Amino acid sequence: MPTLPPETLLAGRTARHGTAELSELPLVPLWWIAPFPGREAALSRALAAAHGVPFPAPGETVRSGDTEIRWAGRAQALLIGPAAADPGLAEHAAVTDVSDVYARLVLTGPDTACVLARLVPLDLRPARFPAGRTARTLLGHMTAQVTATPEGVELLVMRSFARTAFHEIETAMRGVAARPG
């Protein structure tokens, strides 16, 4: 039986308008982690021992090698990168593989903050939302996990919203690129 590689929903689609570029990122393992009540400290220690990253504080991203963990709401985080979450984490938290739940987009370029200002109710200018900051917020009418990177902003949206999110961001890119001056 042939092995079929996983495909992203947008098949690697990209768009460039003005100084902004939008791309779909490849699929990576994603694990949703929610600590059981009273187990937060033990979970953080278990994460650090198994994956090199503690449970993040609100709005924080922690990285160690190819593994990253992002705050994803009250008592929630997304563990990104390891092929398998350590089974010992299940003693302290609900751990769910959500790798096929999300689409990953990245917006880069000098106009990134201006483009997203049309869709996101947060100030995403690098001075206010520096690399490593993350937030669960709205992207137009959709929910998204928005994370600042050194190159721009990564957006995680539900797969069912991927095409709509790409379209909305590309429309905002066109609007920003069309500004005079």
Protein backbone atom coordinates (compact mmCIF):
# COMPACT_ATOMS: atom_id res chain seq x y z
CA MET A 1 0.00 0.00 0.00
CA PRO A 2 1.49 3.40 -0.95
CA THR A 3 2.12 5.95 1.75
CA LEU A 4 0.50 9.28 1.00
CA PRO A 5 2.14 12.36 2.48
CA PRO A 6 -0.13 14.78 4.33
CA GLU A 7 -1.21 17.79 2.31
CA THR A 8 -2.01 21.22 3.58
CA LEU A 9 -5.45 22.60 2.87
CA LEU A 10 -4.18 25.46 0.70
CA ALA A 11 -1.49 23.38 -1.05
CA GLY A 12 1.28 25.83 -0.11
CA ARG A 13 -0.51 28.87 -1.53
CA THR A 14 1.20 32.28 -1.27
CA ALA A 15 0.22 35.88 -2.03
CA ARG A 16 2.26 39.07 -2.25
CA HIS A 17 0.84 42.60 -2.37
CA GLY A 18 2.92 45.68 -1.68
CA THR A 19 5.47 44.83 0.99
CA ALA A 20 3.45 42.03 2.62
CA GLU A 21 3.66 38.34 1.81
CA LEU A 22 1.22 35.68 3.00
CA SER A 23 2.14 31.99 2.92
CA GLU A 24 0.77 28.73 4.19
CA LEU A 25 3.16 26.88 6.47
CA PRO A 26 3.70 23.11 6.39
CA LEU A 27 1.86 20.82 8.77
CA VAL A 28 3.57 20.12 12.10
CA PRO A 29 2.51 18.11 15.13
CA LEU A 30 0.29 20.20 17.45
CA TRP A 31 -0.81 19.10 20.92
CA TRP A 32 -3.51 20.88 22.93
CA ILE A 33 -2.69 20.75 26.63
CA ALA A 34 -5.03 21.74 29.47
CA PRO A 35 -3.81 21.14 33.04
CA PHE A 36 -6.10 19.43 35.51
CA PRO A 37 -7.08 21.68 38.46
CA GLY A 38 -4.23 21.90 40.95
CA ARG A 39 -1.76 20.15 38.61
CA GLU A 40 -0.34 23.23 36.86
CA ALA A 41 3.06 23.24 38.61
CA ALA A 42 3.52 19.48 38.18
CA LEU A 43 2.58 19.77 34.49
CA SER A 44 5.08 22.57 33.98
CA ARG A 45 7.83 20.44 35.52
CA ALA A 46 6.81 17.41 33.43
CA LEU A 47 6.81 19.50 30.22
CA ALA A 48 10.24 20.91 31.03
CA ALA A 49 11.64 17.45 31.77
CA ALA A 50 10.13 15.75 28.71
CA HIS A 51 10.20 18.51 26.08
CA GLY A 52 12.47 21.25 27.44
CA VAL A 53 9.68 23.83 27.77
CA PRO A 54 7.61 24.76 30.84
CA PHE A 55 3.90 25.62 30.67
CA PRO A 56 3.76 29.20 29.34
CA ALA A 57 2.51 32.28 31.16
CA PRO A 58 -0.38 34.21 29.54
CA GLY A 59 0.64 35.65 26.18
CA GLU A 60 3.98 33.84 26.24
CA THR A 61 5.74 31.49 23.82
CA VAL A 62 8.61 29.31 25.03
CA ARG A 63 10.98 27.59 22.61
CA SER A 64 13.66 24.93 23.01
CA GLY A 65 15.21 23.58 19.82
CA ASP A 66 12.42 22.41 17.50
CA THR A 67 9.83 22.37 20.29
CA GLU A 68 7.65 25.33 21.14
CA ILE A 69 4.76 25.87 23.53
CA ARG A 70 2.30 28.75 23.21
CA TRP A 71 -0.24 30.04 25.66
CA ALA A 72 -3.66 29.44 24.06
CA GLY A 73 -6.14 30.76 26.62
CA ARG A 74 -6.83 30.34 30.31
CA ALA A 75 -5.23 27.05 31.41
CA GLN A 76 -4.53 26.03 27.80
CA ALA A 77 -1.43 25.75 25.65
CA LEU A 78 -0.37 24.43 22.26
CA LEU A 79 2.73 22.23 22.18
CA ILE A 80 4.26 22.45 18.72
CA GLY A 81 6.89 20.21 17.21
CA PRO A 82 7.35 16.91 18.98
CA ALA A 83 6.07 13.96 16.97
CA ALA A 84 4.50 12.61 20.15
CA ALA A 85 3.68 14.29 23.43
CA ASP A 86 5.25 12.51 26.38
CA PRO A 87 2.68 10.01 27.76
CA GLY A 88 3.53 11.12 31.31
CA LEU A 89 1.86 14.47 30.65
CA ALA A 90 -1.53 12.72 30.83
CA GLU A 91 -1.10 12.43 34.62
CA HIS A 92 -1.30 16.20 34.87
CA ALA A 93 -3.36 17.39 31.91
CA ALA A 94 -5.73 16.62 29.09
CA VAL A 95 -3.49 16.12 26.05
CA THR A 96 -5.03 15.99 22.58
CA ASP A 97 -3.43 15.71 19.14
CA VAL A 98 -4.84 18.64 17.14
CA SER A 99 -2.36 18.48 14.25
CA ASP A 100 -5.11 18.17 11.65
CA VAL A 101 -7.40 20.76 13.27
CA TYR A 102 -5.46 23.89 12.33
CA ALA A 103 -4.08 25.59 9.24
CA ARG A 104 -0.91 27.65 9.71
CA LEU A 105 -0.37 30.91 7.86
CA VAL A 106 2.48 33.41 8.11
CA LEU A 107 2.37 37.08 7.14
CA THR A 108 5.71 38.84 6.68
CA GLY A 109 7.01 42.17 5.46
CA PRO A 110 7.06 45.79 6.65
CA ASP A 111 3.28 46.20 6.28
CA THR A 112 2.37 43.16 8.41
CA ALA A 113 0.99 45.22 11.33
CA CYS A 114 -0.94 47.56 8.98
CA VAL A 115 -2.54 44.62 7.18
CA LEU A 116 -3.59 42.87 10.37
CA ALA A 117 -4.85 46.15 11.91
CA ARG A 118 -7.75 45.83 9.46
CA LEU A 119 -8.71 42.40 10.83
CA VAL A 120 -7.37 41.95 14.38
CA PRO A 121 -8.48 44.02 17.41
CA LEU A 122 -4.95 44.06 18.88
CA ASP A 123 -1.99 46.38 18.37
CA LEU A 124 0.40 44.04 16.54
CA ARG A 125 3.15 46.59 15.93
CA PRO A 126 6.47 45.00 16.98
CA ALA A 127 6.95 47.60 19.75
CA ARG A 128 3.69 46.46 21.38
CA PHE A 129 3.59 42.79 20.31
CA PRO A 130 7.22 41.65 20.07
CA ALA A 131 8.47 38.31 18.81
CA GLY A 132 7.38 35.54 21.14
CA ARG A 133 4.10 37.17 22.18
CA THR A 134 0.94 35.23 21.39
CA ALA A 135 -2.78 35.86 21.73
CA ARG A 136 -6.05 34.11 21.05
CA THR A 137 -8.14 36.74 19.27
CA LEU A 138 -10.39 37.50 16.33
CA LEU A 139 -9.24 37.60 12.73
CA GLY A 140 -12.18 39.26 11.03
CA HIS A 141 -15.08 37.07 12.16
CA MET A 142 -12.90 34.00 12.90
CA THR A 143 -10.95 32.97 15.98
CA ALA A 144 -7.19 32.73 15.52
CA GLN A 145 -4.03 32.15 17.52
CA VAL A 146 -1.73 35.04 16.56
CA THR A 147 1.97 34.74 17.38
CA ALA A 148 4.67 37.31 16.64
CA THR A 149 7.86 35.89 15.12
CA PRO A 150 11.11 37.68 14.24
CA GLU A 151 9.98 37.65 10.58
CA GLY A 152 6.30 38.61 11.00
CA VAL A 153 3.17 37.01 12.42
CA GLU A 154 2.08 33.37 12.40
CA LEU A 155 -1.65 32.69 12.45
CA LEU A 156 -3.32 29.42 13.41
CA VAL A 157 -6.92 29.12 12.25
CA MET A 158 -9.29 26.19 12.19
CA ARG A 159 -8.86 24.24 8.93
CA SER A 160 -12.46 24.95 7.99
CA PHE A 161 -11.61 28.68 8.01
CA ALA A 162 -8.31 28.43 6.10
CA ARG A 163 -9.57 29.59 2.71
CA THR A 164 -11.65 32.37 4.24
CA ALA A 165 -8.75 33.54 6.42
CA PHE A 166 -6.40 33.56 3.43
CA HIS A 167 -8.95 35.54 1.38
CA GLU A 168 -9.59 38.07 4.17
CA ILE A 169 -5.88 38.66 4.78
CA GLU A 170 -5.17 38.94 1.06
CA THR A 171 -7.99 41.48 0.68
CA ALA A 172 -6.49 43.53 3.54
CA MET A 173 -3.06 43.25 1.88
CA ARG A 174 -4.48 44.68 -1.35
CA GLY A 175 -6.06 47.55 0.57
CA VAL A 176 -2.83 48.44 2.34
CA ALA A 177 -0.81 48.15 -0.91
CA ALA A 178 -3.25 50.50 -2.66
CA ARG A 179 -2.73 53.34 -0.19
CA PRO A 180 -1.21 56.45 -1.74
CA GLY A 181 2.37 57.30 -0.89
